[in-house]
C-alpha atoms as a PDB file:
ATOM      1  CA  UNK A   1       0.000   0.000   0.000  1.00  0.00           C
ATOM      2  CA  UNK A   2       1.387   3.407  -0.972  1.00  0.00           C
ATOM      3  CA  UNK A   3       0.701   6.836   0.440  1.00  0.00           C
ATOM      4  CA  UNK A   4       0.770  10.268  -1.144  1.00  0.00           C
ATOM      5  CA  UNK A   5       1.060  13.466   0.876  1.00  0.00           C
ATOM      6  CA  UNK A   6      -0.602  16.666  -0.298  1.00  0.00           C
ATOM      7  CA  UNK A   7       0.197  19.958   1.436  1.00  0.00           C
ATOM      8  CA  UNK A   8      -1.933  23.065   0.971  1.00  0.00           C
ATOM      9  CA  UNK A   9      -1.137  26.576   2.245  1.00  0.00           C
ATOM     10  CA  UNK A  10      -3.020  29.865   2.202  1.00  0.00           C
ATOM     11  CA  UNK A  11      -1.892  32.150  -0.618  1.00  0.00           C
ATOM     12  CA  UNK A  12       0.620  34.772   0.604  1.00  0.00           C
ATOM     13  CA  UNK A  13      -1.866  37.622   0.152  1.00  0.00           C
ATOM     14  CA  UNK A  14      -4.526  35.875   2.273  1.00  0.00           C
ATOM     15  CA  UNK A  15      -4.670  36.698   5.979  1.00  0.00           C
ATOM     16  CA  UNK A  16      -3.917  33.735   8.247  1.00  0.00           C
ATOM     17  CA  UNK A  17      -5.486  34.369  11.673  1.00  0.00           C
ATOM     18  CA  UNK A  18      -4.543  30.913  12.995  1.00  0.00           C
ATOM     19  CA  UNK A  19      -0.930  31.448  11.986  1.00  0.00           C
ATOM     20  CA  UNK A  20      -0.946  34.899  13.621  1.00  0.00           C
ATOM     21  CA  UNK A  21      -2.308  33.399  16.874  1.00  0.00           C
ATOM     22  CA  UNK A  22       0.405  30.736  16.899  1.00  0.00           C
ATOM     23  CA  UNK A  23       3.074  33.330  16.091  1.00  0.00           C
ATOM     24  CA  UNK A  24       1.892  35.391  19.062  1.00  0.00           C
ATOM     25  CA  UNK A  25       1.953  32.404  21.424  1.00  0.00           C
ATOM     26  CA  UNK A  26       5.389  31.050  20.492  1.00  0.00           C
ATOM     27  CA  UNK A  27       7.483  33.796  22.178  1.00  0.00           C
ATOM     28  CA  UNK A  28       5.373  33.534  25.342  1.00  0.00           C
ATOM     29  CA  UNK A  29       6.191  29.829  25.429  1.00  0.00           C
ATOM     30  CA  UNK A  30       9.931  30.324  25.018  1.00  0.00           C
ATOM     31  CA  UNK A  31      10.207  29.996  21.238  1.00  0.00           C
ATOM     32  CA  UNK A  32      11.285  33.538  20.374  1.00  0.00           C
ATOM     33  CA  UNK A  33      13.401  32.587  17.355  1.00  0.00           C
ATOM     34  CA  UNK A  34      10.343  32.272  15.078  1.00  0.00           C
ATOM     35  CA  UNK A  35       9.130  35.507  13.504  1.00  0.00           C
ATOM     36  CA  UNK A  36       6.191  34.321  11.396  1.00  0.00           C
ATOM     37  CA  UNK A  37       3.817  31.352  11.113  1.00  0.00           C
ATOM     38  CA  UNK A  38       1.526  30.254   8.286  1.00  0.00           C
ATOM     39  CA  UNK A  39      -0.816  27.362   9.001  1.00  0.00           C
ATOM     40  CA  UNK A  40      -1.854  25.012   6.222  1.00  0.00           C
ATOM     41  CA  UNK A  41      -3.376  21.592   5.647  1.00  0.00           C
ATOM     42  CA  UNK A  42      -1.818  18.174   5.074  1.00  0.00           C
ATOM     43  CA  UNK A  43      -3.638  15.252   3.449  1.00  0.00           C
ATOM     44  CA  UNK A  44      -2.383  11.654   3.280  1.00  0.00           C
ATOM     45  CA  UNK A  45      -3.947   9.619   0.483  1.00  0.00           C
ATOM     46  CA  UNK A  46      -3.571   5.828   0.554  1.00  0.00           C
ATOM     47  CA  UNK A  47      -3.554   3.736  -2.617  1.00  0.00           C
ATOM     48  CA  UNK A  48      -3.468   0.019  -3.310  1.00  0.00           C
ATOM     49  CA  UNK A  49      -0.064  -0.868  -4.695  1.00  0.00           C
ATOM     50  CA  UNK A  50       2.843   1.442  -5.396  1.00  0.00           C
ATOM     51  CA  UNK A  51       2.734   5.174  -5.943  1.00  0.00           C
ATOM     52  CA  UNK A  52       3.279   5.631  -9.667  1.00  0.00           C
ATOM     53  CA  UNK A  53       3.589   8.820 -11.709  1.00  0.00           C
ATOM     54  CA  UNK A  54      -0.056   8.305 -12.721  1.00  0.00           C
ATOM     55  CA  UNK A  55      -1.108   8.156  -9.044  1.00  0.00           C
ATOM     56  CA  UNK A  56       0.883  11.326  -8.306  1.00  0.00           C
ATOM     57  CA  UNK A  57      -0.789  13.085 -11.254  1.00  0.00           C
ATOM     58  CA  UNK A  58      -4.249  11.999 -10.031  1.00  0.00           C
ATOM     59  CA  UNK A  59      -3.368  13.246  -6.526  1.00  0.00           C
ATOM     60  CA  UNK A  60      -2.242  16.588  -7.986  1.00  0.00           C
ATOM     61  CA  UNK A  61      -5.543  16.906  -9.861  1.00  0.00           C
ATOM     62  CA  UNK A  62      -7.524  16.017  -6.724  1.00  0.00           C
ATOM     63  CA  UNK A  63      -5.478  18.543  -4.756  1.00  0.00           C
ATOM     64  CA  UNK A  64      -6.208  21.294  -7.258  1.00  0.00           C
ATOM     65  CA  UNK A  65      -9.924  20.581  -7.549  1.00  0.00           C
ATOM     66  CA  UNK A  66     -11.121  18.985  -4.289  1.00  0.00           C
ATOM     67  CA  UNK A  67      -8.538  19.292  -1.508  1.00  0.00           C
ATOM     68  CA  UNK A  68      -7.850  23.004  -1.913  1.00  0.00           C
ATOM     69  CA  UNK A  69      -9.746  26.183  -2.614  1.00  0.00           C
ATOM     70  CA  UNK A  70      -7.769  27.673  -5.521  1.00  0.00           C
ATOM     71  CA  UNK A  71      -9.099  31.149  -4.789  1.00  0.00           C
ATOM     72  CA  UNK A  72      -7.362  31.354  -1.393  1.00  0.00           C
ATOM     73  CA  UNK A  73      -4.976  28.363  -1.256  1.00  0.00           C
ATOM     74  CA  UNK A  74      -1.957  26.990  -3.119  1.00  0.00           C
ATOM     75  CA  UNK A  75      -1.044  23.322  -3.409  1.00  0.00           C
ATOM     76  CA  UNK A  76       2.601  23.421  -2.343  1.00  0.00           C
ATOM     77  CA  UNK A  77       3.506  19.736  -2.381  1.00  0.00           C
ATOM     78  CA  UNK A  78       2.335  16.396  -3.787  1.00  0.00           C
ATOM     79  CA  UNK A  79       4.757  13.546  -3.028  1.00  0.00           C
ATOM     80  CA  UNK A  80       5.161   9.837  -2.384  1.00  0.00           C
ATOM     81  CA  UNK A  81       5.600   9.641   1.402  1.00  0.00           C
ATOM     82  CA  UNK A  82       7.914   6.621   1.291  1.00  0.00           C
ATOM     83  CA  UNK A  83      10.228   8.066  -1.382  1.00  0.00           C
ATOM     84  CA  UNK A  84      10.251  11.406   0.420  1.00  0.00           C
ATOM     85  CA  UNK A  85      11.156   9.767   3.760  1.00  0.00           C
ATOM     86  CA  UNK A  86      13.932   7.731   2.120  1.00  0.00           C
ATOM     87  CA  UNK A  87      15.391  10.890   0.557  1.00  0.00           C
ATOM     88  CA  UNK A  88      15.233  12.663   3.914  1.00  0.00           C
ATOM     89  CA  UNK A  89      17.071   9.810   5.651  1.00  0.00           C
ATOM     90  CA  UNK A  90      19.674   9.639   2.891  1.00  0.00           C
ATOM     91  CA  UNK A  91      20.439  13.350   3.007  1.00  0.00           C
ATOM     92  CA  UNK A  92      20.477  13.905   6.759  1.00  0.00           C
ATOM     93  CA  UNK A  93      21.141  10.510   8.311  1.00  0.00           C
ATOM     94  CA  UNK A  94      18.038  10.808  10.509  1.00  0.00           C
ATOM     95  CA  UNK A  95      14.317  10.685   9.884  1.00  0.00           C
ATOM     96  CA  UNK A  96      12.765  14.141   9.788  1.00  0.00           C
END
């Protein structure tokens, strides 16, 4: 069974009240190094079998038409979770 991750973020020109609230809370909780926060959405789509280029293309189409509101959101990532995790381990030596 394969899994595809889709990440959606508000467009830069759209206000993000949840992100602003988190950004305001972080310094009070001892995390003063962060200056801005944008909050988005993450979807994990499971498929029978491997994630193929055709599956990734279908996920991208679903992301653009169903999983996001193209008026106020951008699809920022569509990826095979397993391939992405393997690349992360290979480049950093630890799982991100």
